[in-house]
PDB file of N, CA and C in Angstrom:
ATOM      1  N   UNK A   1      52.849 -12.467  27.819  1.00  0.00           N
ATOM      2  CA  UNK A   1      52.562 -13.801  28.323  1.00  0.00           C
ATOM      3  C   UNK A   1      52.554 -14.757  27.140  1.00  0.00           C
ATOM      4  N   UNK A   2      53.283 -15.841  27.302  1.00  0.00           N
ATOM      5  CA  UNK A   2      53.372 -16.813  26.228  1.00  0.00           C
ATOM      6  C   UNK A   2      53.013 -18.187  26.770  1.00  0.00           C
ATOM      7  N   UNK A   3      52.304 -18.941  25.955  1.00  0.00           N
ATOM      8  CA  UNK A   3      51.896 -20.292  26.310  1.00  0.00           C
ATOM      9  C   UNK A   3      52.661 -21.280  25.434  1.00  0.00           C
ATOM     10  N   UNK A   4      53.254 -22.279  26.080  1.00  0.00           N
ATOM     11  CA  UNK A   4      54.007 -23.313  25.387  1.00  0.00           C
ATOM     12  C   UNK A   4      53.394 -24.666  25.732  1.00  0.00           C
ATOM     13  N   UNK A   5      53.702 -25.676  24.911  1.00  0.00           N
ATOM     14  CA  UNK A   5      53.150 -27.017  25.109  1.00  0.00           C
ATOM     15  C   UNK A   5      54.253 -28.061  25.003  1.00  0.00           C
ATOM     16  N   UNK A   6      53.980 -29.241  25.591  1.00  0.00           N
ATOM     17  CA  UNK A   6      54.898 -30.376  25.440  1.00  0.00           C
ATOM     18  C   UNK A   6      54.173 -31.485  24.681  1.00  0.00           C
ATOM     19  N   UNK A   7      54.942 -32.408  24.150  1.00  0.00           N
ATOM     20  CA  UNK A   7      54.324 -33.537  23.454  1.00  0.00           C
ATOM     21  C   UNK A   7      53.659 -34.494  24.444  1.00  0.00           C
ATOM     22  N   UNK A   8      53.960 -34.353  25.745  1.00  0.00           N
ATOM     23  CA  UNK A   8      53.313 -35.188  26.760  1.00  0.00           C
ATOM     24  C   UNK A   8      52.094 -34.474  27.374  1.00  0.00           C
ATOM     25  N   UNK A   9      51.602 -33.427  26.679  1.00  0.00           N
ATOM     26  CA  UNK A   9      50.320 -32.766  26.971  1.00  0.00           C
ATOM     27  C   UNK A   9      50.290 -31.848  28.188  1.00  0.00           C
ATOM     28  N   UNK A  10      51.465 -31.322  28.584  1.00  0.00           N
ATOM     29  CA  UNK A  10      51.469 -30.260  29.577  1.00  0.00           C
ATOM     30  C   UNK A  10      51.490 -28.918  28.835  1.00  0.00           C
ATOM     31  N   UNK A  11      50.986 -27.886  29.481  1.00  0.00           N
ATOM     32  CA  UNK A  11      51.165 -26.531  28.973  1.00  0.00           C
ATOM     33  C   UNK A  11      51.899 -25.743  30.047  1.00  0.00           C
ATOM     34  N   UNK A  12      52.572 -24.682  29.636  1.00  0.00           N
ATOM     35  CA  UNK A  12      53.269 -23.807  30.571  1.00  0.00           C
ATOM     36  C   UNK A  12      53.067 -22.370  30.092  1.00  0.00           C
ATOM     37  N   UNK A  13      52.624 -21.532  31.020  1.00  0.00           N
ATOM     38  CA  UNK A  13      52.381 -20.121  30.722  1.00  0.00           C
ATOM     39  C   UNK A  13      53.445 -19.302  31.441  1.00  0.00           C
ATOM     40  N   UNK A  14      54.153 -18.481  30.691  1.00  0.00           N
ATOM     41  CA  UNK A  14      55.245 -17.707  31.281  1.00  0.00           C
ATOM     42  C   UNK A  14      55.167 -16.253  30.873  1.00  0.00           C
ATOM     43  N   UNK A  15      55.313 -15.407  31.861  1.00  0.00           N
ATOM     44  CA  UNK A  15      55.402 -13.975  31.634  1.00  0.00           C
ATOM     45  C   UNK A  15      56.747 -13.527  32.191  1.00  0.00           C
ATOM     46  N   UNK A  16      57.466 -12.744  31.421  1.00  0.00           N
ATOM     47  CA  UNK A  16      58.806 -12.295  31.816  1.00  0.00           C
ATOM     48  C   UNK A  16      58.805 -11.760  33.250  1.00  0.00           C
ATOM     49  N   UNK A  17      59.739 -12.257  34.058  1.00  0.00           N
ATOM     50  CA  UNK A  17      59.871 -11.785  35.431  1.00  0.00           C
ATOM     51  C   UNK A  17      58.923 -12.453  36.422  1.00  0.00           C
ATOM     52  N   UNK A  18      58.127 -13.384  35.976  1.00  0.00           N
ATOM     53  CA  UNK A  18      57.160 -14.072  36.842  1.00  0.00           C
ATOM     54  C   UNK A  18      57.482 -15.564  36.888  1.00  0.00           C
ATOM     55  N   UNK A  19      56.950 -16.248  37.890  1.00  0.00           N
ATOM     56  CA  UNK A  19      57.032 -17.696  37.907  1.00  0.00           C
ATOM     57  C   UNK A  19      56.078 -18.238  36.850  1.00  0.00           C
ATOM     58  N   UNK A  20      56.438 -19.366  36.252  1.00  0.00           N
ATOM     59  CA  UNK A  20      55.602 -19.966  35.212  1.00  0.00           C
ATOM     60  C   UNK A  20      54.520 -20.827  35.849  1.00  0.00           C
ATOM     61  N   UNK A  21      53.401 -20.963  35.159  1.00  0.00           N
ATOM     62  CA  UNK A  21      52.264 -21.754  35.613  1.00  0.00           C
ATOM     63  C   UNK A  21      52.149 -22.963  34.689  1.00  0.00           C
ATOM     64  N   UNK A  22      51.907 -24.155  35.292  1.00  0.00           N
ATOM     65  CA  UNK A  22      51.881 -25.397  34.521  1.00  0.00           C
ATOM     66  C   UNK A  22      50.569 -26.140  34.757  1.00  0.00           C
ATOM     67  N   UNK A  23      50.055 -26.732  33.705  1.00  0.00           N
ATOM     68  CA  UNK A  23      48.864 -27.568  33.795  1.00  0.00           C
ATOM     69  C   UNK A  23      48.879 -28.604  32.689  1.00  0.00           C
ATOM     70  N   UNK A  24      47.763 -29.293  32.518  1.00  0.00           N
ATOM     71  CA  UNK A  24      47.654 -30.241  31.405  1.00  0.00           C
ATOM     72  C   UNK A  24      46.610 -29.715  30.430  1.00  0.00           C
ATOM     73  N   UNK A  25      46.728 -30.142  29.201  1.00  0.00           N
ATOM     74  CA  UNK A  25      45.856 -29.631  28.143  1.00  0.00           C
ATOM     75  C   UNK A  25      44.444 -30.217  28.266  1.00  0.00           C
ATOM     76  N   UNK A  26      43.519 -29.575  27.590  1.00  0.00           N
ATOM     77  CA  UNK A  26      42.143 -30.062  27.564  1.00  0.00           C
ATOM     78  C   UNK A  26      42.095 -31.470  26.976  1.00  0.00           C
ATOM     79  N   UNK A  27      42.918 -31.723  25.965  1.00  0.00           N
ATOM     80  CA  UNK A  27      42.958 -33.060  25.362  1.00  0.00           C
ATOM     81  C   UNK A  27      43.362 -34.108  26.403  1.00  0.00           C
ATOM     82  N   UNK A  28      44.413 -33.825  27.169  1.00  0.00           N
ATOM     83  CA  UNK A  28      44.869 -34.769  28.199  1.00  0.00           C
ATOM     84  C   UNK A  28      43.789 -34.981  29.243  1.00  0.00           C
ATOM     85  N   UNK A  29      43.143 -33.903  29.643  1.00  0.00           N
ATOM     86  CA  UNK A  29      42.086 -33.996  30.643  1.00  0.00           C
ATOM     87  C   UNK A  29      40.936 -34.869  30.135  1.00  0.00           C
ATOM     88  N   UNK A  30      40.557 -34.677  28.892  1.00  0.00           N
ATOM     89  CA  UNK A  30      39.468 -35.482  28.309  1.00  0.00           C
ATOM     90  C   UNK A  30      39.843 -36.954  28.249  1.00  0.00           C
ATOM     91  N   UNK A  31      41.111 -37.227  27.905  1.00  0.00           N
ATOM     92  CA  UNK A  31      41.570 -38.613  27.811  1.00  0.00           C
ATOM     93  C   UNK A  31      41.566 -39.299  29.177  1.00  0.00           C
ATOM     94  N   UNK A  32      41.893 -38.541  30.224  1.00  0.00           N
ATOM     95  CA  UNK A  32      41.936 -39.114  31.572  1.00  0.00           C
ATOM     96  C   UNK A  32      40.539 -39.379  32.129  1.00  0.00           C
ATOM     97  N   UNK A  33      39.574 -38.576  31.733  1.00  0.00           N
ATOM     98  CA  UNK A  33      38.229 -38.716  32.288  1.00  0.00           C
ATOM     99  C   UNK A  33      38.088 -37.974  33.598  1.00  0.00           C
ATOM    100  N   UNK A  34      37.148 -38.379  34.401  1.00  0.00           N
ATOM    101  CA  UNK A  34      36.866 -37.682  35.660  1.00  0.00           C
ATOM    102  C   UNK A  34      38.043 -37.801  36.624  1.00  0.00           C
ATOM    103  N   UNK A  35      38.620 -36.668  37.006  1.00  0.00           N
ATOM    104  CA  UNK A  35      39.766 -36.679  37.910  1.00  0.00           C
ATOM    105  C   UNK A  35      39.283 -36.746  39.354  1.00  0.00           C
ATOM    106  N   UNK A  36      39.988 -37.552  40.152  1.00  0.00           N
ATOM    107  CA  UNK A  36      39.592 -37.739  41.549  1.00  0.00           C
ATOM    108  C   UNK A  36      40.666 -37.302  42.533  1.00  0.00           C
ATOM    109  N   UNK A  37      41.911 -37.108  42.049  1.00  0.00           N
ATOM    110  CA  UNK A  37      43.008 -36.753  42.953  1.00  0.00           C
ATOM    111  C   UNK A  37      44.136 -36.107  42.164  1.00  0.00           C
ATOM    112  N   UNK A  38      44.741 -35.088  42.746  1.00  0.00           N
ATOM    113  CA  UNK A  38      45.897 -34.412  42.134  1.00  0.00           C
ATOM    114  C   UNK A  38      46.900 -34.128  43.234  1.00  0.00           C
ATOM    115  N   UNK A  39      48.158 -34.411  42.969  1.00  0.00           N
ATOM    116  CA  UNK A  39      49.205 -34.138  43.940  1.00  0.00           C
ATOM    117  C   UNK A  39      50.465 -33.696  43.208  1.00  0.00           C
ATOM    118  N   UNK A  40      51.069 -32.609  43.665  1.00  0.00           N
ATOM    119  CA  UNK A  40      52.344 -32.145  43.089  1.00  0.00           C
ATOM    120  C   UNK A  40      53.442 -32.359  44.111  1.00  0.00           C
ATOM    121  N   UNK A  41      54.684 -32.338  43.628  1.00  0.00           N
ATOM    122  CA  UNK A  41      55.828 -32.394  44.540  1.00  0.00           C
ATOM    123  C   UNK A  41      55.755 -31.191  45.483  1.00  0.00           C
ATOM    124  N   UNK A  42      56.418 -31.293  46.614  1.00  0.00           N
ATOM    125  CA  UNK A  42      56.383 -30.223  47.624  1.00  0.00           C
ATOM    126  C   UNK A  42      57.025 -28.946  47.103  1.00  0.00           C
ATOM    127  N   UNK A  43      56.555 -27.819  47.617  1.00  0.00           N
ATOM    128  CA  UNK A  43      57.179 -26.537  47.308  1.00  0.00           C
ATOM    129  C   UNK A  43      58.666 -26.634  47.649  1.00  0.00           C
ATOM    130  N   UNK A  44      59.491 -26.071  46.797  1.00  0.00           N
ATOM    131  CA  UNK A  44      60.930 -26.105  47.020  1.00  0.00           C
ATOM    132  C   UNK A  44      61.628 -27.254  46.316  1.00  0.00           C
ATOM    133  N   UNK A  45      60.860 -28.183  45.735  1.00  0.00           N
ATOM    134  CA  UNK A  45      61.450 -29.313  45.026  1.00  0.00           C
ATOM    135  C   UNK A  45      62.079 -28.822  43.724  1.00  0.00           C
ATOM    136  N   UNK A  46      63.343 -29.154  43.535  1.00  0.00           N
ATOM    137  CA  UNK A  46      64.035 -28.789  42.294  1.00  0.00           C
ATOM    138  C   UNK A  46      63.865 -29.907  41.282  1.00  0.00           C
ATOM    139  N   UNK A  47      63.529 -29.519  40.061  1.00  0.00           N
ATOM    140  CA  UNK A  47      63.273 -30.488  39.010  1.00  0.00           C
ATOM    141  C   UNK A  47      64.066 -30.149  37.754  1.00  0.00           C
ATOM    142  N   UNK A  48      64.455 -31.173  37.035  1.00  0.00           N
ATOM    143  CA  UNK A  48      65.007 -30.981  35.695  1.00  0.00           C
ATOM    144  C   UNK A  48      63.858 -31.161  34.704  1.00  0.00           C
ATOM    145  N   UNK A  49      63.989 -30.575  33.542  1.00  0.00           N
ATOM    146  CA  UNK A  49      62.966 -30.739  32.516  1.00  0.00           C
ATOM    147  C   UNK A  49      62.740 -32.227  32.275  1.00  0.00           C
ATOM    148  N   UNK A  50      61.484 -32.648  32.299  1.00  0.00           N
ATOM    149  CA  UNK A  50      61.137 -34.049  32.087  1.00  0.00           C
ATOM    150  C   UNK A  50      60.965 -34.850  33.358  1.00  0.00           C
ATOM    151  N   UNK A  51      61.347 -34.302  34.503  1.00  0.00           N
ATOM    152  CA  UNK A  51      61.134 -34.994  35.779  1.00  0.00           C
ATOM    153  C   UNK A  51      59.640 -35.012  36.114  1.00  0.00           C
ATOM    154  N   UNK A  52      59.221 -36.016  36.863  1.00  0.00           N
ATOM    155  CA  UNK A  52      57.837 -36.067  37.326  1.00  0.00           C
ATOM    156  C   UNK A  52      57.623 -34.968  38.355  1.00  0.00           C
ATOM    157  N   UNK A  53      56.626 -34.122  38.106  1.00  0.00           N
ATOM    158  CA  UNK A  53      56.349 -32.993  38.985  1.00  0.00           C
ATOM    159  C   UNK A  53      55.053 -33.178  39.759  1.00  0.00           C
ATOM    160  N   UNK A  54      54.151 -33.988  39.211  1.00  0.00           N
ATOM    161  CA  UNK A  54      52.840 -34.183  39.842  1.00  0.00           C
ATOM    162  C   UNK A  54      52.231 -35.492  39.342  1.00  0.00           C
ATOM    163  N   UNK A  55      51.164 -35.887  40.020  1.00  0.00           N
ATOM    164  CA  UNK A  55      50.411 -37.077  39.621  1.00  0.00           C
ATOM    165  C   UNK A  55      48.931 -36.708  39.631  1.00  0.00           C
ATOM    166  N   UNK A  56      48.229 -37.108  38.575  1.00  0.00           N
ATOM    167  CA  UNK A  56      46.780 -36.947  38.565  1.00  0.00           C
ATOM    168  C   UNK A  56      46.165 -38.337  38.457  1.00  0.00           C
ATOM    169  N   UNK A  57      45.112 -38.546  39.222  1.00  0.00           N
ATOM    170  CA  UNK A  57      44.417 -39.835  39.182  1.00  0.00           C
ATOM    171  C   UNK A  57      42.985 -39.595  38.754  1.00  0.00           C
ATOM    172  N   UNK A  58      42.535 -40.468  37.868  1.00  0.00           N
ATOM    173  CA  UNK A  58      41.152 -40.408  37.415  1.00  0.00           C
ATOM    174  C   UNK A  58      40.486 -41.738  37.700  1.00  0.00           C
ATOM    175  N   UNK A  59      39.232 -41.839  37.344  1.00  0.00           N
ATOM    176  CA  UNK A  59      38.537 -43.101  37.524  1.00  0.00           C
ATOM    177  C   UNK A  59      39.103 -44.160  36.582  1.00  0.00           C
ATOM    178  N   UNK A  60      39.843 -43.726  35.545  1.00  0.00           N
ATOM    179  CA  UNK A  60      40.436 -44.647  34.568  1.00  0.00           C
ATOM    180  C   UNK A  60      41.856 -45.073  34.928  1.00  0.00           C
ATOM    181  N   UNK A  61      42.691 -44.092  35.369  1.00  0.00           N
ATOM    182  CA  UNK A  61      44.109 -44.393  35.552  1.00  0.00           C
ATOM    183  C   UNK A  61      44.794 -43.255  36.284  1.00  0.00           C
ATOM    184  N   UNK A  62      46.048 -43.492  36.664  1.00  0.00           N
ATOM    185  CA  UNK A  62      46.896 -42.436  37.219  1.00  0.00           C
ATOM    186  C   UNK A  62      47.894 -42.044  36.143  1.00  0.00           C
ATOM    187  N   UNK A  63      48.256 -40.779  36.129  1.00  0.00           N
ATOM    188  CA  UNK A  63      49.165 -40.300  35.101  1.00  0.00           C
ATOM    189  C   UNK A  63      50.165 -39.315  35.711  1.00  0.00           C
ATOM    190  N   UNK A  64      51.433 -39.466  35.331  1.00  0.00           N
ATOM    191  CA  UNK A  64      52.456 -38.528  35.777  1.00  0.00           C
ATOM    192  C   UNK A  64      52.367 -37.249  34.956  1.00  0.00           C
ATOM    193  N   UNK A  65      52.656 -36.136  35.613  1.00  0.00           N
ATOM    194  CA  UNK A  65      52.750 -34.834  34.957  1.00  0.00           C
ATOM    195  C   UNK A  65      54.214 -34.414  35.045  1.00  0.00           C
ATOM    196  N   UNK A  66      54.783 -34.077  33.906  1.00  0.00           N
ATOM    197  CA  UNK A  66      56.214 -33.805  33.835  1.00  0.00           C
ATOM    198  C   UNK A  66      56.504 -32.302  33.839  1.00  0.00           C
ATOM    199  N   UNK A  67      57.643 -31.954  34.402  1.00  0.00           N
ATOM    200  CA  UNK A  67      58.089 -30.556  34.384  1.00  0.00           C
ATOM    201  C   UNK A  67      58.482 -30.208  32.950  1.00  0.00           C
ATOM    202  N   UNK A  68      57.837 -29.216  32.344  1.00  0.00           N
ATOM    203  CA  UNK A  68      58.200 -28.846  30.969  1.00  0.00           C
ATOM    204  C   UNK A  68      59.598 -28.244  30.867  1.00  0.00           C
ATOM    205  N   UNK A  69      60.045 -27.623  31.955  1.00  0.00           N
ATOM    206  CA  UNK A  69      61.372 -26.987  31.999  1.00  0.00           C
ATOM    207  C   UNK A  69      61.973 -27.222  33.380  1.00  0.00           C
ATOM    208  N   UNK A  70      63.239 -26.940  33.515  1.00  0.00           N
ATOM    209  CA  UNK A  70      63.917 -27.078  34.804  1.00  0.00           C
ATOM    210  C   UNK A  70      63.553 -25.913  35.719  1.00  0.00           C
ATOM    211  N   UNK A  71      63.493 -26.212  37.021  1.00  0.00           N
ATOM    212  CA  UNK A  71      63.200 -25.146  37.969  1.00  0.00           C
ATOM    213  C   UNK A  71      62.791 -25.693  39.320  1.00  0.00           C
ATOM    214  N   UNK A  72      62.256 -24.819  40.143  1.00  0.00           N
ATOM    215  CA  UNK A  72      61.852 -25.154  41.501  1.00  0.00           C
ATOM    216  C   UNK A  72      60.348 -24.926  41.651  1.00  0.00           C
ATOM    217  N   UNK A  73      59.648 -25.925  42.172  1.00  0.00           N
ATOM    218  CA  UNK A  73      58.218 -25.762  42.420  1.00  0.00           C
ATOM    219  C   UNK A  73      58.040 -24.734  43.536  1.00  0.00           C
ATOM    220  N   UNK A  74      57.213 -23.732  43.271  1.00  0.00           N
ATOM    221  CA  UNK A  74      57.005 -22.677  44.272  1.00  0.00           C
ATOM    222  C   UNK A  74      55.571 -22.653  44.807  1.00  0.00           C
ATOM    223  N   UNK A  75      54.652 -23.322  44.118  1.00  0.00           N
ATOM    224  CA  UNK A  75      53.265 -23.307  44.599  1.00  0.00           C
ATOM    225  C   UNK A  75      52.458 -24.411  43.928  1.00  0.00           C
ATOM    226  N   UNK A  76      51.663 -25.119  44.733  1.00  0.00           N
ATOM    227  CA  UNK A  76      50.689 -26.081  44.219  1.00  0.00           C
ATOM    228  C   UNK A  76      49.332 -25.406  44.265  1.00  0.00           C
ATOM    229  N   UNK A  77      48.509 -25.658  43.285  1.00  0.00           N
ATOM    230  CA  UNK A  77      47.154 -25.104  43.255  1.00  0.00           C
ATOM    231  C   UNK A  77      46.301 -25.850  44.277  1.00  0.00           C
ATOM    232  N   UNK A  78      46.189 -25.288  45.470  1.00  0.00           N
ATOM    233  CA  UNK A  78      45.489 -25.976  46.559  1.00  0.00           C
ATOM    234  C   UNK A  78      43.990 -26.161  46.287  1.00  0.00           C
ATOM    235  N   UNK A  79      43.435 -25.391  45.355  1.00  0.00           N
ATOM    236  CA  UNK A  79      42.018 -25.587  45.003  1.00  0.00           C
ATOM    237  C   UNK A  79      41.788 -26.990  44.462  1.00  0.00           C
ATOM    238  N   UNK A  80      42.836 -27.583  43.865  1.00  0.00           N
ATOM    239  CA  UNK A  80      42.687 -28.920  43.284  1.00  0.00           C
ATOM    240  C   UNK A  80      42.540 -30.002  44.351  1.00  0.00           C
ATOM    241  N   UNK A  81      43.007 -29.724  45.568  1.00  0.00           N
ATOM    242  CA  UNK A  81      42.852 -30.703  46.645  1.00  0.00           C
ATOM    243  C   UNK A  81      41.381 -30.909  46.978  1.00  0.00           C
ATOM    244  N   UNK A  82      40.595 -29.847  46.872  1.00  0.00           N
ATOM    245  CA  UNK A  82      39.170 -29.931  47.163  1.00  0.00           C
ATOM    246  C   UNK A  82      38.348 -30.260  45.927  1.00  0.00           C
ATOM    247  N   UNK A  83      38.833 -29.826  44.753  1.00  0.00           N
ATOM    248  CA  UNK A  83      38.065 -30.021  43.536  1.00  0.00           C
ATOM    249  C   UNK A  83      38.974 -30.315  42.337  1.00  0.00           C
ATOM    250  N   UNK A  84      39.441 -31.568  42.200  1.00  0.00           N
ATOM    251  CA  UNK A  84      40.329 -31.910  41.079  1.00  0.00           C
ATOM    252  C   UNK A  84      39.652 -31.774  39.713  1.00  0.00           C
ATOM    253  N   UNK A  85      38.325 -31.674  39.691  1.00  0.00           N
ATOM    254  CA  UNK A  85      37.628 -31.552  38.409  1.00  0.00           C
ATOM    255  C   UNK A  85      37.872 -30.187  37.752  1.00  0.00           C
ATOM    256  N   UNK A  86      38.468 -29.230  38.506  1.00  0.00           N
ATOM    257  CA  UNK A  86      38.817 -27.935  37.911  1.00  0.00           C
ATOM    258  C   UNK A  86      39.729 -28.119  36.702  1.00  0.00           C
ATOM    259  N   UNK A  87      40.552 -29.161  36.729  1.00  0.00           N
ATOM    260  CA  UNK A  87      41.451 -29.404  35.594  1.00  0.00           C
ATOM    261  C   UNK A  87      40.645 -29.649  34.325  1.00  0.00           C
ATOM    262  N   UNK A  88      39.552 -30.372  34.452  1.00  0.00           N
ATOM    263  CA  UNK A  88      38.722 -30.650  33.279  1.00  0.00           C
ATOM    264  C   UNK A  88      37.848 -29.484  32.881  1.00  0.00           C
ATOM    265  N   UNK A  89      37.363 -28.728  33.864  1.00  0.00           N
ATOM    266  CA  UNK A  89      36.446 -27.630  33.547  1.00  0.00           C
ATOM    267  C   UNK A  89      37.179 -26.362  33.112  1.00  0.00           C
ATOM    268  N   UNK A  90      38.410 -26.181  33.548  1.00  0.00           N
ATOM    269  CA  UNK A  90      39.182 -24.980  33.174  1.00  0.00           C
ATOM    270  C   UNK A  90      40.660 -25.343  33.083  1.00  0.00           C
ATOM    271  N   UNK A  91      41.033 -26.207  32.120  1.00  0.00           N
ATOM    272  CA  UNK A  91      42.407 -26.729  32.088  1.00  0.00           C
ATOM    273  C   UNK A  91      43.487 -25.664  31.969  1.00  0.00           C
ATOM    274  N   UNK A  92      43.227 -24.583  31.274  1.00  0.00           N
ATOM    275  CA  UNK A  92      44.240 -23.535  31.124  1.00  0.00           C
ATOM    276  C   UNK A  92      43.886 -22.302  31.962  1.00  0.00           C
ATOM    277  N   UNK A  93      42.979 -22.459  32.903  1.00  0.00           N
ATOM    278  CA  UNK A  93      42.578 -21.376  33.793  1.00  0.00           C
ATOM    279  C   UNK A  93      42.771 -21.799  35.231  1.00  0.00           C
ATOM    280  N   UNK A  94      41.642 -21.913  35.979  1.00  0.00           N
ATOM    281  CA  UNK A  94      41.709 -22.288  37.391  1.00  0.00           C
ATOM    282  C   UNK A  94      42.242 -23.701  37.614  1.00  0.00           C
ATOM    283  N   UNK A  95      42.335 -24.485  36.567  1.00  0.00           N
ATOM    284  CA  UNK A  95      42.804 -25.867  36.694  1.00  0.00           C
ATOM    285  C   UNK A  95      44.307 -26.031  36.590  1.00  0.00           C
ATOM    286  N   UNK A  96      45.050 -24.936  36.707  1.00  0.00           N
ATOM    287  CA  UNK A  96      46.517 -25.074  36.692  1.00  0.00           C
ATOM    288  C   UNK A  96      46.945 -25.953  37.859  1.00  0.00           C
ATOM    289  N   UNK A  97      48.115 -26.604  37.739  1.00  0.00           N
ATOM    290  CA  UNK A  97      48.527 -27.562  38.768  1.00  0.00           C
ATOM    291  C   UNK A  97      49.618 -27.008  39.690  1.00  0.00           C
ATOM    292  N   UNK A  98      50.661 -26.417  39.111  1.00  0.00           N
ATOM    293  CA  UNK A  98      51.734 -25.884  39.965  1.00  0.00           C
ATOM    294  C   UNK A  98      52.424 -24.716  39.274  1.00  0.00           C
ATOM    295  N   UNK A  99      53.133 -23.937  40.093  1.00  0.00           N
ATOM    296  CA  UNK A  99      53.966 -22.855  39.581  1.00  0.00           C
ATOM    297  C   UNK A  99      55.412 -23.252  39.770  1.00  0.00           C
ATOM    298  N   UNK A 100      56.223 -22.863  38.812  1.00  0.00           N
ATOM    299  CA  UNK A 100      57.636 -23.225  38.843  1.00  0.00           C
ATOM    300  C   UNK A 100      58.495 -21.990  38.582  1.00  0.00           C
ATOM    301  N   UNK A 101      59.551 -21.853  39.380  1.00  0.00           N
ATOM    302  CA  UNK A 101      60.537 -20.788  39.169  1.00  0.00           C
ATOM    303  C   UNK A 101      61.576 -21.351  38.214  1.00  0.00           C
ATOM    304  N   UNK A 102      61.666 -20.769  37.047  1.00  0.00           N
ATOM    305  CA  UNK A 102      62.545 -21.301  36.006  1.00  0.00           C
ATOM    306  C   UNK A 102      64.015 -21.156  36.385  1.00  0.00           C
ATOM    307  N   UNK A 103      64.783 -22.227  36.221  1.00  0.00           N
ATOM    308  CA  UNK A 103      66.231 -22.136  36.419  1.00  0.00           C
ATOM    309  C   UNK A 103      66.955 -22.026  35.080  1.00  0.00           C
ATOM    310  N   UNK A 104      66.279 -22.445  34.003  1.00  0.00           N
ATOM    311  CA  UNK A 104      66.877 -22.370  32.666  1.00  0.00           C
ATOM    312  C   UNK A 104      65.801 -21.858  31.698  1.00  0.00           C
ATOM    313  N   UNK A 105      65.525 -20.560  31.734  1.00  0.00           N
ATOM    314  CA  UNK A 105      64.452 -20.009  30.885  1.00  0.00           C
ATOM    315  C   UNK A 105      64.638 -20.307  29.398  1.00  0.00           C
ATOM    316  N   UNK A 106      65.864 -20.517  28.991  1.00  0.00           N
ATOM    317  CA  UNK A 106      66.121 -20.810  27.581  1.00  0.00           C
ATOM    318  C   UNK A 106      65.466 -22.119  27.131  1.00  0.00           C
ATOM    319  N   UNK A 107      65.117 -22.995  28.078  1.00  0.00           N
ATOM    320  CA  UNK A 107      64.454 -24.258  27.716  1.00  0.00           C
ATOM    321  C   UNK A 107      63.064 -24.024  27.124  1.00  0.00           C
ATOM    322  N   UNK A 108      62.460 -22.878  27.411  1.00  0.00           N
ATOM    323  CA  UNK A 108      61.133 -22.581  26.844  1.00  0.00           C
ATOM    324  C   UNK A 108      61.166 -22.627  25.320  1.00  0.00           C
ATOM    325  N   UNK A 109      62.297 -22.260  24.741  1.00  0.00           N
ATOM    326  CA  UNK A 109      62.418 -22.229  23.279  1.00  0.00           C
ATOM    327  C   UNK A 109      62.330 -23.612  22.655  1.00  0.00           C
ATOM    328  N   UNK A 110      62.565 -24.660  23.449  1.00  0.00           N
ATOM    329  CA  UNK A 110      62.509 -26.018  22.907  1.00  0.00           C
ATOM    330  C   UNK A 110      61.106 -26.607  22.967  1.00  0.00           C
ATOM    331  N   UNK A 111      60.163 -25.888  23.556  1.00  0.00           N
ATOM    332  CA  UNK A 111      58.794 -26.387  23.677  1.00  0.00           C
ATOM    333  C   UNK A 111      57.980 -26.065  22.424  1.00  0.00           C
ATOM    334  N   UNK A 112      56.763 -26.576  22.364  1.00  0.00           N
ATOM    335  CA  UNK A 112      55.920 -26.447  21.175  1.00  0.00           C
ATOM    336  C   UNK A 112      55.024 -25.215  21.242  1.00  0.00           C
ATOM    337  N   UNK A 113      54.746 -24.650  20.090  1.00  0.00           N
ATOM    338  CA  UNK A 113      53.716 -23.611  19.985  1.00  0.00           C
ATOM    339  C   UNK A 113      52.357 -24.317  19.922  1.00  0.00           C
ATOM    340  N   UNK A 114      51.282 -23.557  20.032  1.00  0.00           N
ATOM    341  CA  UNK A 114      49.950 -24.150  19.934  1.00  0.00           C
ATOM    342  C   UNK A 114      49.774 -24.858  18.593  1.00  0.00           C
ATOM    343  N   UNK A 115      50.227 -24.249  17.522  1.00  0.00           N
ATOM    344  CA  UNK A 115      50.095 -24.851  16.193  1.00  0.00           C
ATOM    345  C   UNK A 115      50.865 -26.164  16.108  1.00  0.00           C
ATOM    346  N   UNK A 116      52.074 -26.188  16.658  1.00  0.00           N
ATOM    347  CA  UNK A 116      52.874 -27.415  16.654  1.00  0.00           C
ATOM    348  C   UNK A 116      52.213 -28.493  17.507  1.00  0.00           C
ATOM    349  N   UNK A 117      51.645 -28.095  18.650  1.00  0.00           N
ATOM    350  CA  UNK A 117      50.982 -29.072  19.519  1.00  0.00           C
ATOM    351  C   UNK A 117      49.762 -29.672  18.826  1.00  0.00           C
ATOM    352  N   UNK A 118      48.958 -28.822  18.191  1.00  0.00           N
ATOM    353  CA  UNK A 118      47.757 -29.307  17.513  1.00  0.00           C
ATOM    354  C   UNK A 118      48.092 -30.246  16.363  1.00  0.00           C
ATOM    355  N   UNK A 119      49.294 -30.106  15.792  1.00  0.00           N
ATOM    356  CA  UNK A 119      49.699 -30.949  14.671  1.00  0.00           C
ATOM    357  C   UNK A 119      50.153 -32.342  15.105  1.00  0.00           C
ATOM    358  N   UNK A 120      50.282 -32.560  16.418  1.00  0.00           N
ATOM    359  CA  UNK A 120      50.747 -33.884  16.895  1.00  0.00           C
ATOM    360  C   UNK A 120      49.759 -34.973  16.564  1.00  0.00           C
TER     361      UNK A 120
END
């Protein structure tokens, strides 16, 4: 299992042969403040890397969440519909936002490592 990051503060966790899991980093969650709403594109939506995949709204602002890689959304974390604060309390755990079936797994190589992300 490998975790990758984007400069726009998404993370993506991928294990060979599995769909990847996407969320936002703890830093992004802290910057947004208390989250009140989360919505992802519908299951089956095909996205290119960088396309808007979801929207999170906080008491401060709304923010787009981008697809770190190309693929098809296969699952939204329905727990977030009832409790969007999971993103802040467990950003890389129960606070994941959506799962994506990779169409171009090679794009993972263009993403950041944890060390590279922390250096931003």
